[in-house]
Amino acid sequence: MYLSSKYEDVYPLHSRIVAEKISHNAFTRHAILKKEEEFMRLFEFDFNFITPYDVYQSYFSIAEKKIKNIETQNFNKVKELSMLYIR
């Protein structure tokens, strides 16, 4: 949860919050940070994953270029609704 929050959230969880509030002190901050280090080494510090938002941006960038005579208001509504599905 801690690592996912760091990758996905605008304001990620702090290790203190995870230790105290989420795990109810089952894990120390040090243990959480140590596990994070293990994962980072496992992935060789390569965290360049494709997210649904990346696909969304690419698709609509291509769609805007390909579709002729687009009604901007309707296209923007479709983009906004699509954003709801990836959240």
PDB file of N, CA and C in Angstrom:
ATOM      1  N   MET A   1       0.827  -1.180   0.000  1.00  0.00           N
ATOM      2  CA  MET A   1       0.000   0.000   0.000  1.00  0.00           C
ATOM      3  C   MET A   1       0.881   1.257   0.000  1.00  0.00           C
ATOM      4  N   TYR A   2       1.921   1.224   0.769  1.00  0.00           N
ATOM      5  CA  TYR A   2       2.839   2.360   0.865  1.00  0.00           C
ATOM      6  C   TYR A   2       3.495   2.635  -0.485  1.00  0.00           C
ATOM      7  N   LEU A   3       4.003   1.591  -1.129  1.00  0.00           N
ATOM      8  CA  LEU A   3       4.659   1.771  -2.422  1.00  0.00           C
ATOM      9  C   LEU A   3       3.670   2.192  -3.498  1.00  0.00           C
ATOM     10  N   SER A   4       2.493   1.625  -3.492  1.00  0.00           N
ATOM     11  CA  SER A   4       1.461   2.010  -4.466  1.00  0.00           C
ATOM     12  C   SER A   4       1.095   3.473  -4.303  1.00  0.00           C
ATOM     13  N   SER A   5       0.983   3.911  -3.089  1.00  0.00           N
ATOM     14  CA  SER A   5       0.646   5.298  -2.817  1.00  0.00           C
ATOM     15  C   SER A   5       1.723   6.233  -3.352  1.00  0.00           C
ATOM     16  N   LYS A   6       2.975   5.837  -3.207  1.00  0.00           N
ATOM     17  CA  LYS A   6       4.065   6.670  -3.713  1.00  0.00           C
ATOM     18  C   LYS A   6       4.025   6.776  -5.228  1.00  0.00           C
ATOM     19  N   TYR A   7       3.576   5.730  -5.865  1.00  0.00           N
ATOM     20  CA  TYR A   7       3.558   5.720  -7.331  1.00  0.00           C
ATOM     21  C   TYR A   7       2.310   6.386  -7.893  1.00  0.00           C
ATOM     22  N   GLU A   8       1.168   6.174  -7.263  1.00  0.00           N
ATOM     23  CA  GLU A   8      -0.106   6.603  -7.831  1.00  0.00           C
ATOM     24  C   GLU A   8      -0.646   7.932  -7.290  1.00  0.00           C
ATOM     25  N   ASP A   9      -0.447   8.203  -6.025  1.00  0.00           N
ATOM     26  CA  ASP A   9      -1.101   9.350  -5.399  1.00  0.00           C
ATOM     27  C   ASP A   9      -0.328  10.648  -5.603  1.00  0.00           C
ATOM     28  N   VAL A  10      -1.059  11.719  -5.712  1.00  0.00           N
ATOM     29  CA  VAL A  10      -0.437  13.039  -5.796  1.00  0.00           C
ATOM     30  C   VAL A  10       0.261  13.350  -4.476  1.00  0.00           C
ATOM     31  N   TYR A  11      -0.410  13.041  -3.386  1.00  0.00           N
ATOM     32  CA  TYR A  11       0.165  13.204  -2.059  1.00  0.00           C
ATOM     33  C   TYR A  11       0.278  11.817  -1.424  1.00  0.00           C
ATOM     34  N   PRO A  12       1.406  11.150  -1.587  1.00  0.00           N
ATOM     35  CA  PRO A  12       1.536   9.767  -1.092  1.00  0.00           C
ATOM     36  C   PRO A  12       1.539   9.678   0.428  1.00  0.00           C
ATOM     37  N   LEU A  13       1.235   8.492   0.891  1.00  0.00           N
ATOM     38  CA  LEU A  13       1.249   8.225   2.329  1.00  0.00           C
ATOM     39  C   LEU A  13       2.667   8.369   2.873  1.00  0.00           C
ATOM     40  N   HIS A  14       2.768   8.792   4.087  1.00  0.00           N
ATOM     41  CA  HIS A  14       4.050   8.881   4.775  1.00  0.00           C
ATOM     42  C   HIS A  14       4.257   7.583   5.545  1.00  0.00           C
ATOM     43  N   SER A  15       5.490   7.155   5.688  1.00  0.00           N
ATOM     44  CA  SER A  15       5.775   5.900   6.388  1.00  0.00           C
ATOM     45  C   SER A  15       5.240   5.910   7.821  1.00  0.00           C
ATOM     46  N   ARG A  16       5.226   7.066   8.447  1.00  0.00           N
ATOM     47  CA  ARG A  16       4.700   7.174   9.819  1.00  0.00           C
ATOM     48  C   ARG A  16       3.206   6.856   9.853  1.00  0.00           C
ATOM     49  N   ILE A  17       2.467   7.369   8.874  1.00  0.00           N
ATOM     50  CA  ILE A  17       1.021   7.116   8.796  1.00  0.00           C
ATOM     51  C   ILE A  17       0.758   5.634   8.577  1.00  0.00           C
ATOM     52  N   VAL A  18       1.554   5.032   7.688  1.00  0.00           N
ATOM     53  CA  VAL A  18       1.373   3.597   7.418  1.00  0.00           C
ATOM     54  C   VAL A  18       1.655   2.793   8.684  1.00  0.00           C
ATOM     55  N   ALA A  19       2.720   3.125   9.368  1.00  0.00           N
ATOM     56  CA  ALA A  19       3.090   2.384  10.579  1.00  0.00           C
ATOM     57  C   ALA A  19       2.073   2.553  11.699  1.00  0.00           C
ATOM     58  N   GLU A  20       1.657   3.775  11.946  1.00  0.00           N
ATOM     59  CA  GLU A  20       0.799   4.037  13.096  1.00  0.00           C
ATOM     60  C   GLU A  20      -0.685   3.799  12.827  1.00  0.00           C
ATOM     61  N   LYS A  21      -1.176   4.318  11.736  1.00  0.00           N
ATOM     62  CA  LYS A  21      -2.628   4.297  11.517  1.00  0.00           C
ATOM     63  C   LYS A  21      -3.120   3.123  10.683  1.00  0.00           C
ATOM     64  N   ILE A  22      -2.371   2.745   9.659  1.00  0.00           N
ATOM     65  CA  ILE A  22      -2.844   1.681   8.775  1.00  0.00           C
ATOM     66  C   ILE A  22      -2.510   0.303   9.349  1.00  0.00           C
ATOM     67  N   SER A  23      -1.267   0.126   9.792  1.00  0.00           N
ATOM     68  CA  SER A  23      -0.887  -1.189  10.325  1.00  0.00           C
ATOM     69  C   SER A  23      -1.077  -1.285  11.838  1.00  0.00           C
ATOM     70  N   HIS A  24      -1.536  -0.202  12.452  1.00  0.00           N
ATOM     71  CA  HIS A  24      -1.765  -0.173  13.909  1.00  0.00           C
ATOM     72  C   HIS A  24      -0.532  -0.654  14.668  1.00  0.00           C
ATOM     73  N   ASN A  25       0.614  -0.120  14.263  1.00  0.00           N
ATOM     74  CA  ASN A  25       1.908  -0.405  14.891  1.00  0.00           C
ATOM     75  C   ASN A  25       2.367  -1.850  14.764  1.00  0.00           C
ATOM     76  N   ALA A  26       1.812  -2.586  13.804  1.00  0.00           N
ATOM     77  CA  ALA A  26       2.279  -3.949  13.548  1.00  0.00           C
ATOM     78  C   ALA A  26       3.661  -3.922  12.890  1.00  0.00           C
ATOM     79  N   PHE A  27       3.965  -2.817  12.186  1.00  0.00           N
ATOM     80  CA  PHE A  27       5.262  -2.635  11.543  1.00  0.00           C
ATOM     81  C   PHE A  27       5.833  -1.300  11.986  1.00  0.00           C
ATOM     82  N   THR A  28       7.133  -1.261  12.139  1.00  0.00           N
ATOM     83  CA  THR A  28       7.781   0.006  12.467  1.00  0.00           C
ATOM     84  C   THR A  28       8.063   0.772  11.179  1.00  0.00           C
ATOM     85  N   ARG A  29       8.313   2.076  11.321  1.00  0.00           N
ATOM     86  CA  ARG A  29       8.696   2.874  10.150  1.00  0.00           C
ATOM     87  C   ARG A  29       9.950   2.305   9.517  1.00  0.00           C
ATOM     88  N   HIS A  30      10.885   1.890  10.352  1.00  0.00           N
ATOM     89  CA  HIS A  30      12.141   1.323   9.846  1.00  0.00           C
ATOM     90  C   HIS A  30      11.873   0.060   9.022  1.00  0.00           C
ATOM     91  N   ALA A  31      10.992  -0.798   9.500  1.00  0.00           N
ATOM     92  CA  ALA A  31      10.677  -2.045   8.776  1.00  0.00           C
ATOM     93  C   ALA A  31      10.019  -1.736   7.425  1.00  0.00           C
ATOM     94  N   ILE A  32       9.165  -0.741   7.407  1.00  0.00           N
ATOM     95  CA  ILE A  32       8.489  -0.351   6.161  1.00  0.00           C
ATOM     96  C   ILE A  32       9.511   0.193   5.165  1.00  0.00           C
ATOM     97  N   LEU A  33      10.388   1.043   5.624  1.00  0.00           N
ATOM     98  CA  LEU A  33      11.408   1.609   4.739  1.00  0.00           C
ATOM     99  C   LEU A  33      12.400   0.544   4.276  1.00  0.00           C
ATOM    100  N   LYS A  34      12.698  -0.404   5.123  1.00  0.00           N
ATOM    101  CA  LYS A  34      13.592  -1.510   4.752  1.00  0.00           C
ATOM    102  C   LYS A  34      12.950  -2.360   3.651  1.00  0.00           C
ATOM    103  N   LYS A  35      11.648  -2.629   3.785  1.00  0.00           N
ATOM    104  CA  LYS A  35      10.933  -3.409   2.768  1.00  0.00           C
ATOM    105  C   LYS A  35      10.869  -2.634   1.458  1.00  0.00           C
ATOM    106  N   GLU A  36      10.687  -1.320   1.544  1.00  0.00           N
ATOM    107  CA  GLU A  36      10.700  -0.491   0.335  1.00  0.00           C
ATOM    108  C   GLU A  36      12.050  -0.615  -0.373  1.00  0.00           C
ATOM    109  N   GLU A  37      13.113  -0.579   0.397  1.00  0.00           N
ATOM    110  CA  GLU A  37      14.452  -0.728  -0.178  1.00  0.00           C
ATOM    111  C   GLU A  37      14.608  -2.080  -0.872  1.00  0.00           C
ATOM    112  N   GLU A  38      14.077  -3.132  -0.260  1.00  0.00           N
ATOM    113  CA  GLU A  38      14.145  -4.464  -0.874  1.00  0.00           C
ATOM    114  C   GLU A  38      13.423  -4.491  -2.222  1.00  0.00           C
ATOM    115  N   PHE A  39      12.225  -3.896  -2.272  1.00  0.00           N
ATOM    116  CA  PHE A  39      11.480  -3.852  -3.531  1.00  0.00           C
ATOM    117  C   PHE A  39      12.221  -3.038  -4.590  1.00  0.00           C
ATOM    118  N   MET A  40      12.789  -1.928  -4.169  1.00  0.00           N
ATOM    119  CA  MET A  40      13.515  -1.098  -5.128  1.00  0.00           C
ATOM    120  C   MET A  40      14.707  -1.850  -5.706  1.00  0.00           C
ATOM    121  N   ARG A  41      15.397  -2.577  -4.867  1.00  0.00           N
ATOM    122  CA  ARG A  41      16.521  -3.386  -5.368  1.00  0.00           C
ATOM    123  C   ARG A  41      16.025  -4.521  -6.261  1.00  0.00           C
ATOM    124  N   LEU A  42      14.915  -5.136  -5.891  1.00  0.00           N
ATOM    125  CA  LEU A  42      14.338  -6.219  -6.694  1.00  0.00           C
ATOM    126  C   LEU A  42      14.014  -5.743  -8.109  1.00  0.00           C
ATOM    127  N   PHE A  43      13.442  -4.542  -8.218  1.00  0.00           N
ATOM    128  CA  PHE A  43      13.095  -3.971  -9.520  1.00  0.00           C
ATOM    129  C   PHE A  43      14.241  -3.169 -10.129  1.00  0.00           C
ATOM    130  N   GLU A  44      15.409  -3.224  -9.497  1.00  0.00           N
ATOM    131  CA  GLU A  44      16.595  -2.511  -9.959  1.00  0.00           C
ATOM    132  C   GLU A  44      16.306  -1.023 -10.168  1.00  0.00           C
ATOM    133  N   PHE A  45      15.491  -0.466  -9.281  1.00  0.00           N
ATOM    134  CA  PHE A  45      15.134   0.949  -9.287  1.00  0.00           C
ATOM    135  C   PHE A  45      14.459   1.384 -10.582  1.00  0.00           C
ATOM    136  N   ASP A  46      13.880   0.438 -11.313  1.00  0.00           N
ATOM    137  CA  ASP A  46      13.214   0.741 -12.583  1.00  0.00           C
ATOM    138  C   ASP A  46      11.705   0.671 -12.372  1.00  0.00           C
ATOM    139  N   PHE A  47      11.081   1.819 -12.182  1.00  0.00           N
ATOM    140  CA  PHE A  47       9.652   1.886 -11.918  1.00  0.00           C
ATOM    141  C   PHE A  47       8.910   2.617 -13.020  1.00  0.00           C
ATOM    142  N   ASN A  48       9.253   2.358 -14.237  1.00  0.00           N
ATOM    143  CA  ASN A  48       8.621   3.020 -15.369  1.00  0.00           C
ATOM    144  C   ASN A  48       7.500   2.140 -15.922  1.00  0.00           C
ATOM    145  N   PHE A  49       6.393   2.056 -15.195  1.00  0.00           N
ATOM    146  CA  PHE A  49       5.266   1.239 -15.597  1.00  0.00           C
ATOM    147  C   PHE A  49       4.256   2.084 -16.364  1.00  0.00           C
ATOM    148  N   ILE A  50       3.530   1.475 -17.256  1.00  0.00           N
ATOM    149  CA  ILE A  50       2.461   2.170 -17.974  1.00  0.00           C
ATOM    150  C   ILE A  50       1.202   2.113 -17.115  1.00  0.00           C
ATOM    151  N   THR A  51       0.573   3.254 -16.930  1.00  0.00           N
ATOM    152  CA  THR A  51      -0.644   3.339 -16.130  1.00  0.00           C
ATOM    153  C   THR A  51      -1.848   3.558 -17.048  1.00  0.00           C
ATOM    154  N   PRO A  52      -3.054   3.337 -16.552  1.00  0.00           N
ATOM    155  CA  PRO A  52      -4.242   3.637 -17.367  1.00  0.00           C
ATOM    156  C   PRO A  52      -4.280   5.096 -17.823  1.00  0.00           C
ATOM    157  N   TYR A  53      -3.748   5.994 -17.011  1.00  0.00           N
ATOM    158  CA  TYR A  53      -3.731   7.405 -17.394  1.00  0.00           C
ATOM    159  C   TYR A  53      -2.821   7.634 -18.604  1.00  0.00           C
ATOM    160  N   ASP A  54      -1.718   6.909 -18.677  1.00  0.00           N
ATOM    161  CA  ASP A  54      -0.828   7.013 -19.836  1.00  0.00           C
ATOM    162  C   ASP A  54      -1.546   6.591 -21.115  1.00  0.00           C
ATOM    163  N   VAL A  55      -2.309   5.502 -21.036  1.00  0.00           N
ATOM    164  CA  VAL A  55      -3.075   5.018 -22.187  1.00  0.00           C
ATOM    165  C   VAL A  55      -4.129   6.048 -22.572  1.00  0.00           C
ATOM    166  N   TYR A  56      -4.806   6.602 -21.580  1.00  0.00           N
ATOM    167  CA  TYR A  56      -5.828   7.642 -21.798  1.00  0.00           C
ATOM    168  C   TYR A  56      -5.236   8.827 -22.548  1.00  0.00           C
ATOM    169  N   GLN A  57      -4.093   9.324 -22.075  1.00  0.00           N
ATOM    170  CA  GLN A  57      -3.464  10.479 -22.714  1.00  0.00           C
ATOM    171  C   GLN A  57      -3.074  10.164 -24.160  1.00  0.00           C
ATOM    172  N   SER A  58      -2.494   9.016 -24.375  1.00  0.00           N
ATOM    173  CA  SER A  58      -2.070   8.643 -25.728  1.00  0.00           C
ATOM    174  C   SER A  58      -3.266   8.510 -26.658  1.00  0.00           C
ATOM    175  N   TYR A  59      -4.309   7.818 -26.193  1.00  0.00           N
ATOM    176  CA  TYR A  59      -5.486   7.590 -27.022  1.00  0.00           C
ATOM    177  C   TYR A  59      -6.135   8.907 -27.441  1.00  0.00           C
ATOM    178  N   PHE A  60      -6.345   9.808 -26.506  1.00  0.00           N
ATOM    179  CA  PHE A  60      -7.031  11.052 -26.840  1.00  0.00           C
ATOM    180  C   PHE A  60      -6.147  12.006 -27.633  1.00  0.00           C
ATOM    181  N   SER A  61      -4.864  11.913 -27.470  1.00  0.00           N
ATOM    182  CA  SER A  61      -3.960  12.712 -28.291  1.00  0.00           C
ATOM    183  C   SER A  61      -4.055  12.274 -29.756  1.00  0.00           C
ATOM    184  N   ILE A  62      -4.068  10.972 -29.965  1.00  0.00           N
ATOM    185  CA  ILE A  62      -4.200  10.428 -31.328  1.00  0.00           C
ATOM    186  C   ILE A  62      -5.588  10.712 -31.878  1.00  0.00           C
ATOM    187  N   ALA A  63      -6.606  10.528 -31.060  1.00  0.00           N
ATOM    188  CA  ALA A  63      -7.990  10.734 -31.500  1.00  0.00           C
ATOM    189  C   ALA A  63      -8.217  12.164 -31.960  1.00  0.00           C
ATOM    190  N   GLU A  64      -7.682  13.127 -31.229  1.00  0.00           N
ATOM    191  CA  GLU A  64      -7.852  14.537 -31.602  1.00  0.00           C
ATOM    192  C   GLU A  64      -7.236  14.830 -32.966  1.00  0.00           C
ATOM    193  N   LYS A  65      -6.122  14.197 -33.259  1.00  0.00           N
ATOM    194  CA  LYS A  65      -5.443  14.422 -34.541  1.00  0.00           C
ATOM    195  C   LYS A  65      -6.150  13.722 -35.699  1.00  0.00           C
ATOM    196  N   LYS A  66      -6.729  12.553 -35.427  1.00  0.00           N
ATOM    197  CA  LYS A  66      -7.326  11.737 -36.481  1.00  0.00           C
ATOM    198  C   LYS A  66      -8.750  12.140 -36.850  1.00  0.00           C
ATOM    199  N   ILE A  67      -9.527  12.558 -35.857  1.00  0.00           N
ATOM    200  CA  ILE A  67     -10.939  12.855 -36.098  1.00  0.00           C
ATOM    201  C   ILE A  67     -11.065  14.270 -36.666  1.00  0.00           C
ATOM    202  N   LYS A  68     -11.656  14.355 -37.838  1.00  0.00           N
ATOM    203  CA  LYS A  68     -11.857  15.654 -38.486  1.00  0.00           C
ATOM    204  C   LYS A  68     -13.214  16.218 -38.071  1.00  0.00           C
ATOM    205  N   ASN A  69     -13.346  17.517 -38.145  1.00  0.00           N
ATOM    206  CA  ASN A  69     -14.598  18.206 -37.824  1.00  0.00           C
ATOM    207  C   ASN A  69     -15.141  17.808 -36.445  1.00  0.00           C
ATOM    208  N   ILE A  70     -14.282  17.813 -35.491  1.00  0.00           N
ATOM    209  CA  ILE A  70     -14.655  17.411 -34.132  1.00  0.00           C
ATOM    210  C   ILE A  70     -15.437  18.537 -33.458  1.00  0.00           C
ATOM    211  N   GLU A  71     -16.485  18.185 -32.779  1.00  0.00           N
ATOM    212  CA  GLU A  71     -17.195  19.161 -31.948  1.00  0.00           C
ATOM    213  C   GLU A  71     -16.465  19.208 -30.611  1.00  0.00           C
ATOM    214  N   THR A  72     -15.796  20.295 -30.367  1.00  0.00           N
ATOM    215  CA  THR A  72     -14.929  20.411 -29.186  1.00  0.00           C
ATOM    216  C   THR A  72     -15.674  20.164 -27.890  1.00  0.00           C
ATOM    217  N   GLN A  73     -16.871  20.701 -27.754  1.00  0.00           N
ATOM    218  CA  GLN A  73     -17.627  20.549 -26.508  1.00  0.00           C
ATOM    219  C   GLN A  73     -17.938  19.081 -26.241  1.00  0.00           C
ATOM    220  N   ASN A  74     -18.420  18.361 -27.261  1.00  0.00           N
ATOM    221  CA  ASN A  74     -18.736  16.941 -27.081  1.00  0.00           C
ATOM    222  C   ASN A  74     -17.484  16.111 -26.840  1.00  0.00           C
ATOM    223  N   PHE A  75     -16.420  16.419 -27.557  1.00  0.00           N
ATOM    224  CA  PHE A  75     -15.167  15.679 -27.375  1.00  0.00           C
ATOM    225  C   PHE A  75     -14.642  15.860 -25.954  1.00  0.00           C
ATOM    226  N   ASN A  76     -14.720  17.066 -25.438  1.00  0.00           N
ATOM    227  CA  ASN A  76     -14.267  17.320 -24.059  1.00  0.00           C
ATOM    228  C   ASN A  76     -15.125  16.576 -23.043  1.00  0.00           C
ATOM    229  N   LYS A  77     -16.413  16.445 -23.306  1.00  0.00           N
ATOM    230  CA  LYS A  77     -17.286  15.676 -22.405  1.00  0.00           C
ATOM    231  C   LYS A  77     -16.887  14.211 -22.402  1.00  0.00           C
ATOM    232  N   VAL A  78     -16.579  13.676 -23.575  1.00  0.00           N
ATOM    233  CA  VAL A  78     -16.137  12.274 -23.676  1.00  0.00           C
ATOM    234  C   VAL A  78     -14.824  12.091 -22.918  1.00  0.00           C
ATOM    235  N   LYS A  79     -13.919  13.046 -23.050  1.00  0.00           N
ATOM    236  CA  LYS A  79     -12.651  12.965 -22.329  1.00  0.00           C
ATOM    237  C   LYS A  79     -12.870  12.979 -20.811  1.00  0.00           C
ATOM    238  N   GLU A  80     -13.752  13.844 -20.349  1.00  0.00           N
ATOM    239  CA  GLU A  80     -14.037  13.930 -18.921  1.00  0.00           C
ATOM    240  C   GLU A  80     -14.672  12.642 -18.393  1.00  0.00           C
ATOM    241  N   LEU A  81     -15.612  12.103 -19.138  1.00  0.00           N
ATOM    242  CA  LEU A  81     -16.248  10.848 -18.720  1.00  0.00           C
ATOM    243  C   LEU A  81     -15.244   9.697 -18.720  1.00  0.00           C
ATOM    244  N   SER A  82     -14.374   9.689 -19.706  1.00  0.00           N
ATOM    245  CA  SER A  82     -13.353   8.638 -19.784  1.00  0.00           C
ATOM    246  C   SER A  82     -12.433   8.694 -18.583  1.00  0.00           C
ATOM    247  N   MET A  83     -12.150   9.875 -18.120  1.00  0.00           N
ATOM    248  CA  MET A  83     -11.289  10.033 -16.960  1.00  0.00           C
ATOM    249  C   MET A  83     -11.872   9.354 -15.725  1.00  0.00           C
ATOM    250  N   LEU A  84     -13.191   9.329 -15.620  1.00  0.00           N
ATOM    251  CA  LEU A  84     -13.852   8.663 -14.484  1.00  0.00           C
ATOM    252  C   LEU A  84     -13.567   7.163 -14.465  1.00  0.00           C
ATOM    253  N   TYR A  85     -13.438   6.565 -15.637  1.00  0.00           N
ATOM    254  CA  TYR A  85     -13.208   5.131 -15.711  1.00  0.00           C
ATOM    255  C   TYR A  85     -11.796   4.726 -15.298  1.00  0.00           C
ATOM    256  N   ILE A  86     -10.856   5.621 -15.423  1.00  0.00           N
ATOM    257  CA  ILE A  86      -9.488   5.238 -15.080  1.00  0.00           C
ATOM    258  C   ILE A  86      -9.124   5.562 -13.643  1.00  0.00           C
ATOM    259  N   ARG A  87      -9.976   6.222 -12.928  1.00  0.00           N
ATOM    260  CA  ARG A  87      -9.672   6.573 -11.534  1.00  0.00           C
ATOM    261  C   ARG A  87     -10.002   5.473 -10.619  1.00  0.00           C
TER     262      ARG A  87
END
